[in-house]
């Protein structure tokens, strides 16, 4: 069975039992990933515009309770 690839450098990553940095191959790749999160390079996607187009804006009288 092949080892999973490190999400940062794509090198094989040892299993969790052998590698405290799993799923990364090393502490360096783990730190690179953390830096990307802290630098806001990764983002959780917002809802799509087409999912919101039929919603009433906040404060609209027909929305109820937001006025």
C-alpha atoms as a PDB file:
ATOM      1  CA  UNK A   1       0.000   0.000   0.000  1.00  0.00           C
ATOM      2  CA  UNK A   2       1.372   3.422  -0.900  1.00  0.00           C
ATOM      3  CA  UNK A   3       1.694   6.233   1.594  1.00  0.00           C
ATOM      4  CA  UNK A   4      -0.530   9.302   1.262  1.00  0.00           C
ATOM      5  CA  UNK A   5       1.096  12.392  -0.191  1.00  0.00           C
ATOM      6  CA  UNK A   6       1.897  15.410   1.968  1.00  0.00           C
ATOM      7  CA  UNK A   7      -0.611  18.176   1.095  1.00  0.00           C
ATOM      8  CA  UNK A   8       2.217  20.760   0.962  1.00  0.00           C
ATOM      9  CA  UNK A   9       5.140  19.131  -0.885  1.00  0.00           C
ATOM     10  CA  UNK A  10       3.499  15.956  -2.253  1.00  0.00           C
ATOM     11  CA  UNK A  11       6.212  13.673  -0.789  1.00  0.00           C
ATOM     12  CA  UNK A  12       5.033  10.410   0.823  1.00  0.00           C
ATOM     13  CA  UNK A  13       3.922  10.903   4.419  1.00  0.00           C
ATOM     14  CA  UNK A  14       4.536   8.233   7.075  1.00  0.00           C
ATOM     15  CA  UNK A  15       1.507   6.933   9.015  1.00  0.00           C
ATOM     16  CA  UNK A  16       0.351   8.726  12.168  1.00  0.00           C
ATOM     17  CA  UNK A  17       1.950   6.082  14.436  1.00  0.00           C
ATOM     18  CA  UNK A  18       5.390   6.928  12.993  1.00  0.00           C
ATOM     19  CA  UNK A  19       4.896  10.614  12.209  1.00  0.00           C
ATOM     20  CA  UNK A  20       3.658  13.186  14.754  1.00  0.00           C
ATOM     21  CA  UNK A  21       3.201  15.714  11.924  1.00  0.00           C
ATOM     22  CA  UNK A  22       0.752  13.525   9.985  1.00  0.00           C
ATOM     23  CA  UNK A  23      -0.805  14.165   7.428  1.00  0.00           C
ATOM     24  CA  UNK A  24       2.248  16.289   6.618  1.00  0.00           C
ATOM     25  CA  UNK A  25       5.623  14.686   5.953  1.00  0.00           C
ATOM     26  CA  UNK A  26       7.525  16.949   8.379  1.00  0.00           C
ATOM     27  CA  UNK A  27       7.284  19.717  10.960  1.00  0.00           C
ATOM     28  CA  UNK A  28       8.312  22.177   8.240  1.00  0.00           C
ATOM     29  CA  UNK A  29       5.350  21.322   5.994  1.00  0.00           C
ATOM     30  CA  UNK A  30       3.048  21.427   9.005  1.00  0.00           C
ATOM     31  CA  UNK A  31       4.317  24.947   9.823  1.00  0.00           C
ATOM     32  CA  UNK A  32       3.905  26.056   6.183  1.00  0.00           C
ATOM     33  CA  UNK A  33       0.262  24.946   6.293  1.00  0.00           C
ATOM     34  CA  UNK A  34      -0.343  26.803   9.570  1.00  0.00           C
ATOM     35  CA  UNK A  35       1.239  29.920   8.099  1.00  0.00           C
ATOM     36  CA  UNK A  36      -1.105  29.714   5.121  1.00  0.00           C
ATOM     37  CA  UNK A  37      -4.135  29.528   7.415  1.00  0.00           C
ATOM     38  CA  UNK A  38      -2.903  32.430   9.533  1.00  0.00           C
ATOM     39  CA  UNK A  39      -2.105  34.461   6.407  1.00  0.00           C
ATOM     40  CA  UNK A  40      -5.675  33.826   5.206  1.00  0.00           C
ATOM     41  CA  UNK A  41      -4.536  32.046   2.047  1.00  0.00           C
ATOM     42  CA  UNK A  42      -7.109  29.342   2.801  1.00  0.00           C
ATOM     43  CA  UNK A  43     -10.726  30.396   3.159  1.00  0.00           C
ATOM     44  CA  UNK A  44     -13.999  28.646   3.821  1.00  0.00           C
ATOM     45  CA  UNK A  45     -16.219  29.451   0.836  1.00  0.00           C
ATOM     46  CA  UNK A  46     -19.136  31.824   1.297  1.00  0.00           C
ATOM     47  CA  UNK A  47     -22.578  30.914   0.024  1.00  0.00           C
ATOM     48  CA  UNK A  48     -22.957  31.461  -3.685  1.00  0.00           C
ATOM     49  CA  UNK A  49     -24.640  34.640  -4.937  1.00  0.00           C
ATOM     50  CA  UNK A  50     -27.378  32.634  -6.661  1.00  0.00           C
ATOM     51  CA  UNK A  51     -28.231  31.008  -3.299  1.00  0.00           C
ATOM     52  CA  UNK A  52     -28.861  34.466  -1.799  1.00  0.00           C
ATOM     53  CA  UNK A  53     -30.618  36.253  -4.653  1.00  0.00           C
ATOM     54  CA  UNK A  54     -34.127  35.392  -3.496  1.00  0.00           C
ATOM     55  CA  UNK A  55     -33.525  36.425   0.128  1.00  0.00           C
ATOM     56  CA  UNK A  56     -34.919  39.723   1.393  1.00  0.00           C
ATOM     57  CA  UNK A  57     -32.345  42.236   2.618  1.00  0.00           C
ATOM     58  CA  UNK A  58     -32.031  42.840   6.388  1.00  0.00           C
ATOM     59  CA  UNK A  59     -34.560  45.379   7.634  1.00  0.00           C
ATOM     60  CA  UNK A  60     -37.038  44.680   4.831  1.00  0.00           C
ATOM     61  CA  UNK A  61     -40.623  44.939   6.222  1.00  0.00           C
ATOM     62  CA  UNK A  62     -41.645  41.549   4.765  1.00  0.00           C
ATOM     63  CA  UNK A  63     -38.678  39.787   6.368  1.00  0.00           C
ATOM     64  CA  UNK A  64     -40.323  39.927   9.789  1.00  0.00           C
ATOM     65  CA  UNK A  65     -38.642  40.854  13.043  1.00  0.00           C
ATOM     66  CA  UNK A  66     -35.515  42.457  11.571  1.00  0.00           C
ATOM     67  CA  UNK A  67     -36.957  45.980  11.309  1.00  0.00           C
END
